[in-house]
């Protein structure tokens, strides 16, 4: 895996090696916590796909995966918290232990509503795994991130699944966008 990438508008915040180490630690923790449970890992598309792929390989347990796609950005710039399900899970979660995987949690509005929706479906438990936690803009302070990769300041970041205008998801590191206006 290469970490070489040059873009004068990006600064490496977490290297590919740092991310790999942390994801491996999270996978081990989840494996210990969910031994003997019927685990379903649900990725929230599109941003979680890279993190989720690495995370599930780090969880040494039999598990099932599924995906959801949701939207709460009615005007395209700010989350309303009014979640529209664009793609739902394909199998029932009743009686299962679920971990919802996100790329980043900031305001918490979308994820809080998503947890309410999934919570009404009869799962034994529902936890959150997020690669990044950006607590400064958090509106839903009661939202608990059970498995957090890194806590970050209120900066605009891309890479490892996170994008700006659909770009940079494929970077193997997390980078800070120095000037979002020129992206």
C-alpha atoms as a PDB file:
ATOM      1  CA  UNK A   1       0.000   0.000   0.000  1.00  0.00           C
ATOM      2  CA  UNK A   2       1.455   3.347  -0.971  1.00  0.00           C
ATOM      3  CA  UNK A   3       1.000   6.500   1.029  1.00  0.00           C
ATOM      4  CA  UNK A   4       2.546   8.645  -1.666  1.00  0.00           C
ATOM      5  CA  UNK A   5       0.164  11.243  -2.984  1.00  0.00           C
ATOM      6  CA  UNK A   6       0.815  14.847  -3.732  1.00  0.00           C
ATOM      7  CA  UNK A   7      -1.769  17.583  -3.670  1.00  0.00           C
ATOM      8  CA  UNK A   8      -0.754  20.991  -2.407  1.00  0.00           C
ATOM      9  CA  UNK A   9      -4.246  21.451  -0.959  1.00  0.00           C
ATOM     10  CA  UNK A  10      -3.984  18.358   1.306  1.00  0.00           C
ATOM     11  CA  UNK A  11      -2.019  17.751   4.461  1.00  0.00           C
ATOM     12  CA  UNK A  12      -1.739  14.208   5.879  1.00  0.00           C
ATOM     13  CA  UNK A  13      -3.553  14.066   9.219  1.00  0.00           C
ATOM     14  CA  UNK A  14      -3.471  10.282   9.852  1.00  0.00           C
ATOM     15  CA  UNK A  15      -1.179   8.062   7.813  1.00  0.00           C
ATOM     16  CA  UNK A  16      -2.203   4.747   6.292  1.00  0.00           C
ATOM     17  CA  UNK A  17      -0.060   3.006   8.917  1.00  0.00           C
ATOM     18  CA  UNK A  18      -1.732   4.838  11.811  1.00  0.00           C
ATOM     19  CA  UNK A  19      -5.165   3.978  10.420  1.00  0.00           C
ATOM     20  CA  UNK A  20      -4.236   0.309   9.923  1.00  0.00           C
ATOM     21  CA  UNK A  21      -2.977   0.044  13.499  1.00  0.00           C
ATOM     22  CA  UNK A  22      -6.115   1.642  14.953  1.00  0.00           C
ATOM     23  CA  UNK A  23      -8.528  -0.393  12.809  1.00  0.00           C
ATOM     24  CA  UNK A  24      -6.759  -3.589  13.892  1.00  0.00           C
ATOM     25  CA  UNK A  25      -7.164  -2.549  17.537  1.00  0.00           C
ATOM     26  CA  UNK A  26     -10.869  -1.826  17.017  1.00  0.00           C
ATOM     27  CA  UNK A  27     -11.379  -5.184  15.304  1.00  0.00           C
ATOM     28  CA  UNK A  28      -9.770  -7.006  18.237  1.00  0.00           C
ATOM     29  CA  UNK A  29     -11.920  -5.095  20.725  1.00  0.00           C
ATOM     30  CA  UNK A  30     -15.100  -5.873  18.791  1.00  0.00           C
ATOM     31  CA  UNK A  31     -14.144  -9.563  18.501  1.00  0.00           C
ATOM     32  CA  UNK A  32     -13.705  -9.733  22.278  1.00  0.00           C
ATOM     33  CA  UNK A  33     -16.962  -7.881  22.959  1.00  0.00           C
ATOM     34  CA  UNK A  34     -19.070  -9.914  20.517  1.00  0.00           C
ATOM     35  CA  UNK A  35     -17.728 -13.437  20.996  1.00  0.00           C
ATOM     36  CA  UNK A  36     -20.641 -15.907  20.923  1.00  0.00           C
ATOM     37  CA  UNK A  37     -23.064 -13.285  19.515  1.00  0.00           C
ATOM     38  CA  UNK A  38     -24.911 -13.133  16.210  1.00  0.00           C
ATOM     39  CA  UNK A  39     -23.135 -10.073  14.809  1.00  0.00           C
ATOM     40  CA  UNK A  40     -24.276  -8.004  11.831  1.00  0.00           C
ATOM     41  CA  UNK A  41     -22.078  -5.125  10.702  1.00  0.00           C
ATOM     42  CA  UNK A  42     -24.042  -2.458   8.801  1.00  0.00           C
ATOM     43  CA  UNK A  43     -22.111   0.090   6.766  1.00  0.00           C
ATOM     44  CA  UNK A  44     -23.581   3.491   6.030  1.00  0.00           C
ATOM     45  CA  UNK A  45     -22.810   4.196   2.376  1.00  0.00           C
ATOM     46  CA  UNK A  46     -20.790   5.562   0.757  1.00  0.00           C
ATOM     47  CA  UNK A  47     -18.210   6.913   3.157  1.00  0.00           C
ATOM     48  CA  UNK A  48     -17.904   3.875   5.434  1.00  0.00           C
ATOM     49  CA  UNK A  49     -17.005   1.373   2.702  1.00  0.00           C
ATOM     50  CA  UNK A  50     -13.204   1.569   3.010  1.00  0.00           C
ATOM     51  CA  UNK A  51     -13.207   1.607   6.815  1.00  0.00           C
ATOM     52  CA  UNK A  52     -15.780  -1.188   6.987  1.00  0.00           C
ATOM     53  CA  UNK A  53     -13.845  -3.434   4.583  1.00  0.00           C
ATOM     54  CA  UNK A  54     -10.729  -3.195   6.724  1.00  0.00           C
ATOM     55  CA  UNK A  55     -12.640  -3.385  10.006  1.00  0.00           C
ATOM     56  CA  UNK A  56     -14.536  -6.599   9.230  1.00  0.00           C
ATOM     57  CA  UNK A  57     -11.277  -8.292   8.201  1.00  0.00           C
ATOM     58  CA  UNK A  58      -9.876  -7.317  11.616  1.00  0.00           C
ATOM     59  CA  UNK A  59     -12.815  -8.901  13.484  1.00  0.00           C
ATOM     60  CA  UNK A  60     -11.944 -12.553  14.074  1.00  0.00           C
ATOM     61  CA  UNK A  61     -15.545 -13.790  14.340  1.00  0.00           C
ATOM     62  CA  UNK A  62     -18.192 -15.133  12.022  1.00  0.00           C
ATOM     63  CA  UNK A  63     -20.345 -12.144  11.083  1.00  0.00           C
ATOM     64  CA  UNK A  64     -22.777 -10.915   8.490  1.00  0.00           C
ATOM     65  CA  UNK A  65     -22.585  -7.603   6.671  1.00  0.00           C
ATOM     66  CA  UNK A  66     -25.201  -5.317   5.242  1.00  0.00           C
ATOM     67  CA  UNK A  67     -25.455  -1.748   4.020  1.00  0.00           C
ATOM     68  CA  UNK A  68     -27.719   1.258   4.273  1.00  0.00           C
ATOM     69  CA  UNK A  69     -27.720   4.480   2.305  1.00  0.00           C
ATOM     70  CA  UNK A  70     -29.383   7.469   3.888  1.00  0.00           C
ATOM     71  CA  UNK A  71     -29.758  11.138   3.143  1.00  0.00           C
ATOM     72  CA  UNK A  72     -30.474  14.028   5.457  1.00  0.00           C
ATOM     73  CA  UNK A  73     -28.964  16.833   3.403  1.00  0.00           C
ATOM     74  CA  UNK A  74     -32.093  18.284   1.823  1.00  0.00           C
ATOM     75  CA  UNK A  75     -30.388  21.521   0.733  1.00  0.00           C
ATOM     76  CA  UNK A  76     -27.088  19.792   0.033  1.00  0.00           C
ATOM     77  CA  UNK A  77     -24.983  21.510   2.686  1.00  0.00           C
ATOM     78  CA  UNK A  78     -26.337  20.883   6.190  1.00  0.00           C
ATOM     79  CA  UNK A  79     -27.894  17.849   7.822  1.00  0.00           C
ATOM     80  CA  UNK A  80     -31.538  18.308   8.742  1.00  0.00           C
ATOM     81  CA  UNK A  81     -31.721  15.171  10.861  1.00  0.00           C
ATOM     82  CA  UNK A  82     -34.754  14.150   8.779  1.00  0.00           C
ATOM     83  CA  UNK A  83     -33.421  10.851   7.453  1.00  0.00           C
ATOM     84  CA  UNK A  84     -34.542   9.459   4.144  1.00  0.00           C
ATOM     85  CA  UNK A  85     -33.594   5.806   3.641  1.00  0.00           C
ATOM     86  CA  UNK A  86     -32.288   5.409   0.093  1.00  0.00           C
ATOM     87  CA  UNK A  87     -31.184   1.769   0.603  1.00  0.00           C
ATOM     88  CA  UNK A  88     -32.307  -0.281   3.583  1.00  0.00           C
ATOM     89  CA  UNK A  89     -30.703  -3.363   5.099  1.00  0.00           C
ATOM     90  CA  UNK A  90     -31.521  -6.442   3.063  1.00  0.00           C
ATOM     91  CA  UNK A  91     -32.195  -8.811   5.978  1.00  0.00           C
ATOM     92  CA  UNK A  92     -34.055  -8.408   9.277  1.00  0.00           C
ATOM     93  CA  UNK A  93     -31.928  -7.474  12.302  1.00  0.00           C
ATOM     94  CA  UNK A  94     -34.419  -8.727  14.925  1.00  0.00           C
ATOM     95  CA  UNK A  95     -32.601 -10.793  17.536  1.00  0.00           C
ATOM     96  CA  UNK A  96     -29.138  -9.859  16.227  1.00  0.00           C
ATOM     97  CA  UNK A  97     -26.341  -7.714  17.620  1.00  0.00           C
ATOM     98  CA  UNK A  98     -25.686  -4.846  15.222  1.00  0.00           C
ATOM     99  CA  UNK A  99     -22.743  -2.524  14.756  1.00  0.00           C
ATOM    100  CA  UNK A 100     -23.427   0.476  12.536  1.00  0.00           C
ATOM    101  CA  UNK A 101     -20.243   1.611  10.783  1.00  0.00           C
ATOM    102  CA  UNK A 102     -19.749   5.265   9.857  1.00  0.00           C
ATOM    103  CA  UNK A 103     -16.841   7.160   8.368  1.00  0.00           C
ATOM    104  CA  UNK A 104     -17.279  10.296  10.492  1.00  0.00           C
ATOM    105  CA  UNK A 105     -19.697  11.607  13.114  1.00  0.00           C
ATOM    106  CA  UNK A 106     -20.045  15.370  13.439  1.00  0.00           C
ATOM    107  CA  UNK A 107     -23.471  16.878  14.236  1.00  0.00           C
ATOM    108  CA  UNK A 108     -24.816  13.403  14.988  1.00  0.00           C
ATOM    109  CA  UNK A 109     -28.256  14.260  13.611  1.00  0.00           C
ATOM    110  CA  UNK A 110     -28.347  11.665  10.847  1.00  0.00           C
ATOM    111  CA  UNK A 111     -26.825   8.872  12.918  1.00  0.00           C
ATOM    112  CA  UNK A 112     -29.049   9.620  15.917  1.00  0.00           C
ATOM    113  CA  UNK A 113     -32.160   9.269  13.743  1.00  0.00           C
ATOM    114  CA  UNK A 114     -30.767   6.167  12.044  1.00  0.00           C
ATOM    115  CA  UNK A 115     -30.199   4.580  15.472  1.00  0.00           C
ATOM    116  CA  UNK A 116     -33.837   5.312  16.383  1.00  0.00           C
ATOM    117  CA  UNK A 117     -35.014   3.666  13.158  1.00  0.00           C
ATOM    118  CA  UNK A 118     -32.850   0.573  13.629  1.00  0.00           C
ATOM    119  CA  UNK A 119     -33.653   0.453  17.346  1.00  0.00           C
ATOM    120  CA  UNK A 120     -37.321  -0.019  16.517  1.00  0.00           C
ATOM    121  CA  UNK A 121     -36.543  -3.228  14.609  1.00  0.00           C
ATOM    122  CA  UNK A 122     -35.893  -5.559  17.543  1.00  0.00           C
ATOM    123  CA  UNK A 123     -32.118  -5.995  17.525  1.00  0.00           C
ATOM    124  CA  UNK A 124     -30.553  -7.382  20.722  1.00  0.00           C
ATOM    125  CA  UNK A 125     -28.126  -4.471  20.709  1.00  0.00           C
ATOM    126  CA  UNK A 126     -26.967  -1.689  18.412  1.00  0.00           C
ATOM    127  CA  UNK A 127     -23.541  -0.082  18.674  1.00  0.00           C
ATOM    128  CA  UNK A 128     -21.694   2.516  16.603  1.00  0.00           C
ATOM    129  CA  UNK A 129     -18.221   2.199  15.132  1.00  0.00           C
ATOM    130  CA  UNK A 130     -16.895   5.362  13.530  1.00  0.00           C
ATOM    131  CA  UNK A 131     -13.482   5.937  12.054  1.00  0.00           C
ATOM    132  CA  UNK A 132     -13.603   9.611  13.024  1.00  0.00           C
ATOM    133  CA  UNK A 133     -15.407  11.539  15.728  1.00  0.00           C
ATOM    134  CA  UNK A 134     -15.627  15.312  15.336  1.00  0.00           C
ATOM    135  CA  UNK A 135     -17.328  16.358  18.615  1.00  0.00           C
ATOM    136  CA  UNK A 136     -17.152  20.153  18.242  1.00  0.00           C
ATOM    137  CA  UNK A 137     -20.165  20.515  15.890  1.00  0.00           C
ATOM    138  CA  UNK A 138     -22.145  17.787  17.742  1.00  0.00           C
ATOM    139  CA  UNK A 139     -25.804  18.696  18.232  1.00  0.00           C
ATOM    140  CA  UNK A 140     -26.862  15.259  19.511  1.00  0.00           C
ATOM    141  CA  UNK A 141     -24.525  15.183  22.530  1.00  0.00           C
ATOM    142  CA  UNK A 142     -26.170  11.998  23.848  1.00  0.00           C
ATOM    143  CA  UNK A 143     -25.022  10.012  20.805  1.00  0.00           C
ATOM    144  CA  UNK A 144     -22.518   7.400  22.027  1.00  0.00           C
ATOM    145  CA  UNK A 145     -19.761   6.157  19.746  1.00  0.00           C
ATOM    146  CA  UNK A 146     -18.860   2.731  21.062  1.00  0.00           C
ATOM    147  CA  UNK A 147     -15.831   2.110  18.839  1.00  0.00           C
ATOM    148  CA  UNK A 148     -13.988   5.248  17.755  1.00  0.00           C
ATOM    149  CA  UNK A 149     -10.924   5.290  15.558  1.00  0.00           C
ATOM    150  CA  UNK A 150      -9.795   8.856  16.134  1.00  0.00           C
ATOM    151  CA  UNK A 151     -11.241  12.019  17.632  1.00  0.00           C
ATOM    152  CA  UNK A 152     -10.460  15.014  15.436  1.00  0.00           C
ATOM    153  CA  UNK A 153     -10.793  18.802  15.625  1.00  0.00           C
ATOM    154  CA  UNK A 154     -13.361  20.636  13.506  1.00  0.00           C
ATOM    155  CA  UNK A 155     -11.394  20.410  10.251  1.00  0.00           C
ATOM    156  CA  UNK A 156     -12.490  19.372   6.768  1.00  0.00           C
ATOM    157  CA  UNK A 157     -10.969  15.937   6.077  1.00  0.00           C
ATOM    158  CA  UNK A 158     -10.913  13.545   3.120  1.00  0.00           C
ATOM    159  CA  UNK A 159      -9.493  10.150   2.252  1.00  0.00           C
ATOM    160  CA  UNK A 160     -10.014   6.578   3.395  1.00  0.00           C
ATOM    161  CA  UNK A 161     -13.652   6.762   2.245  1.00  0.00           C
ATOM    162  CA  UNK A 162     -14.323  10.441   2.987  1.00  0.00           C
ATOM    163  CA  UNK A 163     -14.779  12.748   0.029  1.00  0.00           C
ATOM    164  CA  UNK A 164     -15.298  16.246  -1.198  1.00  0.00           C
ATOM    165  CA  UNK A 165     -17.442  16.486  -4.322  1.00  0.00           C
ATOM    166  CA  UNK A 166     -16.986  12.730  -4.821  1.00  0.00           C
ATOM    167  CA  UNK A 167     -13.178  12.932  -4.895  1.00  0.00           C
ATOM    168  CA  UNK A 168     -10.387  11.620  -2.630  1.00  0.00           C
ATOM    169  CA  UNK A 169     -12.279   8.587  -1.226  1.00  0.00           C
ATOM    170  CA  UNK A 170      -9.499   6.321  -2.532  1.00  0.00           C
ATOM    171  CA  UNK A 171      -6.673   7.921  -0.557  1.00  0.00           C
ATOM    172  CA  UNK A 172      -5.061   5.467   1.891  1.00  0.00           C
ATOM    173  CA  UNK A 173      -4.706   8.215   4.528  1.00  0.00           C
ATOM    174  CA  UNK A 174      -6.851  10.920   6.121  1.00  0.00           C
ATOM    175  CA  UNK A 175      -5.941  14.359   4.839  1.00  0.00           C
ATOM    176  CA  UNK A 176      -6.984  17.840   5.898  1.00  0.00           C
ATOM    177  CA  UNK A 177      -8.208  20.022   3.053  1.00  0.00           C
ATOM    178  CA  UNK A 178      -6.314  23.289   3.485  1.00  0.00           C
ATOM    179  CA  UNK A 179      -8.623  25.348   1.274  1.00  0.00           C
ATOM    180  CA  UNK A 180     -12.028  23.739   0.543  1.00  0.00           C
ATOM    181  CA  UNK A 181     -12.940  26.511  -1.916  1.00  0.00           C
ATOM    182  CA  UNK A 182     -10.376  25.349  -4.469  1.00  0.00           C
ATOM    183  CA  UNK A 183     -11.350  21.665  -4.483  1.00  0.00           C
END
